[in-house]
Amino acid sequence: MAIGDINNDGLPDIYFTGNMVNDKLYLNKGGLSFEDISDSAGIVTPGWSTGVTMVDINHDGLLDIYVCRSGNYDKDKRKNLLYINQGNLKFIEQAEAYGIADTSYSTQAAFFDYDKDGDLDMYLLNHTNDIRDPNNVRPLKKDGNGPANDKLYRNDETKDKGIVFTEVSKEAGIVFDGLGLGVGIADINNDGWEDILVTNDFIANDYLYINKKDGTFQEMAKTYLDHVSHFSMGNDMADFNNDGLVDIVTMDMRPGDNYHEKNVRTTKFRLI
């Protein structure tokens, strides 16, 4: 789900993703009352949605909506969607025009200016449905060609062409395969440039991509972290103790002892 004020009335609205049901967009009417405006707003495309981000991608003062998609569908039926806010509670889907109608098995997207050129780029977190035995130990690809490799899209906005995204994953160093279920953006090393934390399910370790300030990233989880979670379900980063340093929370489904691992799945918090 995503929460944001889509009509700038000071009230937060809610977008819910659906899989066996359509996505829903609810307009906040005030007083804890919401109206389903999905159909009238143009949010009518069925499919298996997994994640959603509200972001003013075209910097017109209105929040747009980017939806990640997955499911056992052909590529054409699992393209990610970008709903551009037209004002007056209307949206038009334009992912193809912006170059981010990605057909990977996506989990979530994060928008940030990784190259400090003044526009928003996109990190796309991926998994895969092509592997049906993800617990089977196999070598993970490290060349950007893995079935669940994440994607980095650079925003190449110009006055003449407008906003067009270019996929630059390999050249930027986003090359480690994993089954991503969480992505966080923060300046981990306090150098003024935002870094990327990716938490993965199954056999892949979590990844920490440090921004090298030249358009590339270096995976440095082993340098910065003494340990990582297994079977990560998600993450968040913030300064929890107000010491000026970014802390990390991951959600881990692996039980802490052998008895509970054999008995029932539990979810734990890990603070790094």
Protein backbone atom coordinates (compact mmCIF):
# COMPACT_ATOMS: atom_id res chain seq x y z
CA MET A 1 0.00 0.00 0.00
CA ALA A 2 0.97 3.64 -0.40
CA ILE A 3 -0.32 6.72 1.40
CA GLY A 4 -0.20 10.22 -0.06
CA ASP A 5 -2.29 13.32 -0.74
CA ILE A 6 -3.21 12.87 -4.39
CA ASN A 7 -5.38 16.01 -4.65
CA ASN A 8 -3.46 18.35 -2.32
CA ASP A 9 -6.36 18.88 0.07
CA GLY A 10 -4.28 18.15 3.15
CA LEU A 11 -5.76 14.69 3.70
CA PRO A 12 -3.76 11.48 3.08
CA ASP A 13 -5.29 9.10 0.54
CA ILE A 14 -4.61 5.36 0.24
CA TYR A 15 -3.71 3.05 -2.65
CA PHE A 16 -4.06 -0.69 -2.01
CA THR A 17 -2.47 -3.25 -4.33
CA GLY A 18 -4.42 -6.41 -5.15
CA ASN A 19 -3.60 -9.77 -6.68
CA MET A 20 -6.75 -11.87 -6.92
CA VAL A 21 -8.67 -8.59 -6.86
CA ASN A 22 -8.08 -5.26 -8.59
CA ASP A 23 -6.08 -2.45 -7.01
CA LYS A 24 -8.07 0.17 -5.12
CA LEU A 25 -7.60 3.91 -4.66
CA TYR A 26 -9.42 5.48 -1.71
CA LEU A 27 -9.96 9.23 -1.40
CA ASN A 28 -9.86 10.62 2.12
CA LYS A 29 -13.08 12.58 2.73
CA GLY A 30 -12.12 13.58 6.27
CA GLY A 31 -13.41 12.30 9.58
CA LEU A 32 -11.96 8.83 8.90
CA SER A 33 -14.28 8.46 5.90
CA PHE A 34 -12.93 7.19 2.56
CA GLU A 35 -14.44 6.85 -0.94
CA ASP A 36 -13.41 4.22 -3.48
CA ILE A 37 -12.57 6.25 -6.62
CA SER A 38 -10.63 3.51 -8.42
CA ASP A 39 -12.82 3.30 -11.53
CA SER A 40 -13.45 7.02 -11.96
CA ALA A 41 -9.75 7.81 -11.39
CA GLY A 42 -8.65 5.33 -14.07
CA ILE A 43 -7.24 2.63 -11.76
CA VAL A 44 -8.94 -0.27 -13.47
CA THR A 45 -6.19 -2.56 -14.81
CA PRO A 46 -6.43 -6.12 -13.39
CA GLY A 47 -3.34 -8.13 -12.57
CA TRP A 48 -1.10 -9.31 -9.76
CA SER A 49 0.22 -6.17 -8.07
CA THR A 50 2.95 -6.51 -5.45
CA GLY A 51 4.09 -3.03 -4.48
CA VAL A 52 3.17 0.62 -4.99
CA THR A 53 4.99 3.94 -4.62
CA MET A 54 3.55 7.44 -4.69
CA VAL A 55 5.97 9.96 -6.16
CA ASP A 56 5.75 13.23 -8.09
CA ILE A 57 7.73 11.86 -11.00
CA ASN A 58 7.06 14.77 -13.39
CA HIS A 59 7.47 17.48 -10.68
CA ASP A 60 4.12 19.13 -11.39
CA GLY A 61 3.10 19.25 -7.74
CA LEU A 62 0.82 16.21 -8.00
CA LEU A 63 1.59 12.72 -6.72
CA ASP A 64 1.79 10.00 -9.37
CA ILE A 65 1.53 6.26 -8.67
CA TYR A 66 3.96 3.52 -9.73
CA VAL A 67 2.74 -0.08 -9.35
CA CYS A 68 4.99 -3.14 -9.39
CA ARG A 69 3.55 -6.33 -10.85
CA SER A 70 4.27 -10.03 -10.80
CA GLY A 71 2.33 -13.30 -11.00
CA ASN A 72 2.23 -16.25 -13.35
CA TYR A 73 1.42 -14.18 -16.42
CA ASP A 74 3.01 -13.52 -19.78
CA LYS A 75 5.30 -10.49 -19.85
CA ASP A 76 2.73 -8.27 -21.51
CA LYS A 77 0.29 -8.91 -18.67
CA ARG A 78 2.74 -8.16 -15.86
CA LYS A 79 4.17 -4.85 -17.05
CA ASN A 80 4.64 -2.36 -14.27
CA LEU A 81 2.28 0.61 -14.37
CA LEU A 82 2.81 4.35 -13.96
CA TYR A 83 -0.32 6.36 -13.30
CA ILE A 84 0.31 10.04 -14.04
CA ASN A 85 -1.86 12.39 -12.00
CA GLN A 86 -3.89 14.66 -14.30
CA GLY A 87 -5.50 16.65 -11.51
CA ASN A 88 -9.23 16.53 -10.74
CA LEU A 89 -8.75 12.97 -9.40
CA LYS A 90 -7.90 11.52 -12.82
CA PHE A 91 -4.90 9.39 -13.78
CA ILE A 92 -3.50 8.17 -17.11
CA GLU A 93 -1.26 5.09 -17.31
CA GLN A 94 2.03 6.05 -19.05
CA ALA A 95 4.73 3.58 -17.99
CA GLU A 96 5.62 2.80 -21.61
CA ALA A 97 6.07 6.48 -22.47
CA TYR A 98 8.40 6.99 -19.49
CA GLY A 99 10.42 3.83 -20.22
CA ILE A 100 9.61 1.98 -17.00
CA ALA A 101 6.99 -0.57 -18.10
CA ASP A 102 9.33 -3.22 -16.74
CA THR A 103 8.28 -6.86 -17.18
CA SER A 104 10.42 -8.37 -14.41
CA TYR A 105 8.77 -10.07 -11.44
CA SER A 106 8.87 -6.87 -9.41
CA THR A 107 8.39 -6.39 -5.69
CA GLN A 108 8.80 -2.67 -5.04
CA ALA A 109 10.30 0.51 -6.48
CA ALA A 110 12.23 3.30 -4.79
CA PHE A 111 12.74 6.73 -6.35
CA PHE A 112 15.80 8.83 -5.47
CA ASP A 113 18.42 11.01 -7.17
CA TYR A 114 21.42 8.67 -7.05
CA ASP A 115 23.55 10.73 -9.47
CA LYS A 116 22.63 14.17 -8.11
CA ASP A 117 21.54 15.59 -11.47
CA GLY A 118 18.31 17.04 -10.08
CA ASP A 119 15.80 14.39 -11.17
CA LEU A 120 14.43 11.20 -9.64
CA ASP A 121 15.91 7.86 -10.71
CA MET A 122 14.37 4.46 -9.87
CA TYR A 123 15.65 1.33 -8.17
CA LEU A 124 13.45 -1.65 -9.00
CA LEU A 125 13.45 -4.57 -6.56
CA ASN A 126 12.85 -7.94 -8.21
CA HIS A 127 12.28 -11.60 -7.47
CA THR A 128 11.36 -14.40 -9.89
CA ASN A 129 8.63 -16.96 -10.50
CA ASP A 130 10.84 -18.89 -12.92
CA ILE A 131 12.58 -20.72 -10.05
CA ARG A 132 10.21 -23.15 -8.36
CA ASP A 133 12.69 -24.55 -5.82
CA PRO A 134 14.30 -21.41 -4.36
CA ASN A 135 15.73 -23.27 -1.35
CA ASN A 136 17.82 -25.48 -3.63
CA VAL A 137 21.41 -24.35 -3.25
CA ARG A 138 22.79 -23.04 -6.53
CA PRO A 139 25.46 -20.53 -7.48
CA LEU A 140 24.10 -17.00 -7.53
CA LYS A 141 24.91 -14.99 -10.62
CA LYS A 142 27.08 -11.92 -10.13
CA ASP A 143 27.09 -10.54 -13.66
CA GLY A 144 23.69 -8.86 -13.85
CA ASN A 145 22.11 -11.75 -15.77
CA GLY A 146 20.44 -13.53 -12.87
CA PRO A 147 16.74 -14.35 -13.11
CA ALA A 148 15.95 -12.05 -10.17
CA ASN A 149 18.51 -9.32 -10.73
CA ASP A 150 17.29 -5.92 -9.59
CA LYS A 151 17.15 -2.98 -12.01
CA LEU A 152 18.41 0.59 -11.82
CA TYR A 153 16.72 3.10 -14.10
CA ARG A 154 18.46 6.45 -14.67
CA ASN A 155 16.24 9.44 -15.36
CA ASP A 156 17.54 11.12 -18.52
CA GLU A 157 15.17 14.07 -18.51
CA THR A 158 15.80 16.84 -21.03
CA LYS A 159 13.82 19.89 -22.10
CA ASP A 160 13.38 18.48 -25.61
CA LYS A 161 12.51 14.84 -24.85
CA GLY A 162 10.98 15.24 -21.41
CA ILE A 163 11.29 12.41 -18.89
CA VAL A 164 12.66 9.12 -20.21
CA PHE A 165 14.25 6.43 -18.05
CA THR A 166 17.21 4.31 -19.18
CA GLU A 167 18.02 0.94 -17.62
CA VAL A 168 21.67 1.10 -16.45
CA SER A 169 21.86 -1.79 -13.97
CA LYS A 170 25.03 -3.52 -15.21
CA GLU A 171 27.05 -0.40 -15.90
CA ALA A 172 26.08 0.94 -12.45
CA GLY A 173 27.15 -2.25 -10.64
CA ILE A 174 23.71 -3.63 -9.78
CA VAL A 175 24.70 -7.17 -10.73
CA PHE A 176 24.04 -9.50 -7.79
CA ASP A 177 21.15 -11.92 -8.11
CA GLY A 178 18.66 -12.32 -5.27
CA LEU A 179 15.01 -12.69 -4.38
CA GLY A 180 14.31 -9.17 -3.15
CA LEU A 181 11.54 -8.47 -0.66
CA GLY A 182 12.76 -5.18 0.79
CA VAL A 183 14.58 -2.07 -0.41
CA GLY A 184 15.67 0.97 1.56
CA ILE A 185 17.44 4.17 0.53
CA ALA A 186 19.67 6.11 2.93
CA ASP A 187 23.12 7.68 3.24
CA ILE A 188 24.78 4.86 5.18
CA ASN A 189 28.32 6.28 5.31
CA ASN A 190 27.43 9.97 5.73
CA ASP A 191 29.18 11.07 2.54
CA GLY A 192 26.17 12.98 1.23
CA TRP A 193 25.22 10.33 -1.37
CA GLU A 194 22.34 7.88 -0.94
CA ASP A 195 23.03 4.15 -0.77
CA ILE A 196 20.78 1.12 -1.30
CA LEU A 197 19.95 -1.71 1.11
CA VAL A 198 18.36 -4.82 -0.44
CA THR A 199 17.04 -7.62 1.77
CA ASN A 200 16.55 -10.98 0.07
CA ASP A 201 14.55 -14.12 0.68
CA PHE A 202 15.92 -17.68 0.48
CA ILE A 203 19.59 -18.34 -0.33
CA ALA A 204 20.86 -14.87 -1.28
CA ASN A 205 22.48 -12.67 1.35
CA ASP A 206 21.28 -9.13 1.84
CA TYR A 207 23.09 -6.55 -0.28
CA LEU A 208 24.32 -3.08 0.60
CA TYR A 209 25.14 -1.03 -2.48
CA ILE A 210 27.36 1.91 -1.57
CA ASN A 211 27.14 4.91 -3.87
CA LYS A 212 30.57 5.58 -5.41
CA LYS A 213 29.55 9.12 -6.47
CA ASP A 214 30.42 8.43 -10.12
CA GLY A 215 27.18 6.83 -11.29
CA THR A 216 28.12 3.39 -9.95
CA PHE A 217 27.59 1.35 -6.79
CA GLN A 218 29.73 -1.23 -4.99
CA GLU A 219 28.17 -4.08 -3.01
CA MET A 220 29.75 -3.83 0.47
CA ALA A 221 27.49 -5.65 2.93
CA LYS A 222 30.39 -7.66 4.37
CA THR A 223 32.34 -4.46 4.97
CA TYR A 224 29.58 -2.58 6.77
CA LEU A 225 27.55 -5.37 8.43
CA ASP A 226 28.74 -8.02 10.89
CA HIS A 227 25.79 -10.22 9.98
CA VAL A 228 22.65 -10.23 7.84
CA SER A 229 19.26 -11.87 8.18
CA HIS A 230 18.07 -15.08 6.55
CA PHE A 231 14.78 -15.10 4.66
CA SER A 232 14.34 -11.34 4.91
CA MET A 233 10.79 -10.08 4.45
CA GLY A 234 11.58 -6.36 4.34
CA ASN A 235 13.64 -3.55 5.81
CA ASP A 236 13.62 0.05 6.91
CA MET A 237 16.36 2.54 7.74
CA ALA A 238 16.24 5.52 10.09
CA ASP A 239 18.15 7.12 12.95
CA PHE A 240 16.37 5.27 15.76
CA ASN A 241 18.49 6.61 18.63
CA ASN A 242 19.04 10.15 17.36
CA ASP A 243 22.85 9.90 17.22
CA GLY A 244 23.12 11.13 13.64
CA LEU A 245 23.77 7.64 12.22
CA VAL A 246 21.46 5.51 10.10
CA ASP A 247 20.25 2.30 11.76
CA ILE A 248 18.75 -0.70 9.98
CA VAL A 249 15.75 -2.90 10.78
CA THR A 250 15.16 -6.13 8.87
CA MET A 251 12.24 -8.55 9.07
CA ASP A 252 13.46 -12.14 9.33
CA MET A 253 11.22 -15.20 9.04
CA ARG A 254 13.84 -17.66 10.25
CA PRO A 255 13.14 -18.85 13.84
CA GLY A 256 15.88 -18.43 16.40
CA ASP A 257 16.12 -22.07 17.42
CA ASN A 258 15.84 -25.50 15.82
CA TYR A 259 12.63 -26.47 17.65
CA HIS A 260 10.61 -23.55 16.32
CA GLU A 261 12.16 -23.89 12.88
CA LYS A 262 10.72 -27.39 12.66
CA ASN A 263 7.47 -26.40 14.36
CA VAL A 264 6.09 -23.11 13.06
CA ARG A 265 7.20 -20.09 11.11
CA THR A 266 7.78 -16.97 13.22
CA THR A 267 8.76 -13.44 12.32
CA LYS A 268 11.52 -11.57 14.15
CA PHE A 269 12.91 -8.08 14.15
CA ARG A 270 16.64 -7.56 13.81
CA LEU A 271 18.14 -4.15 14.54
CA ILE A 272 21.58 -3.61 13.03
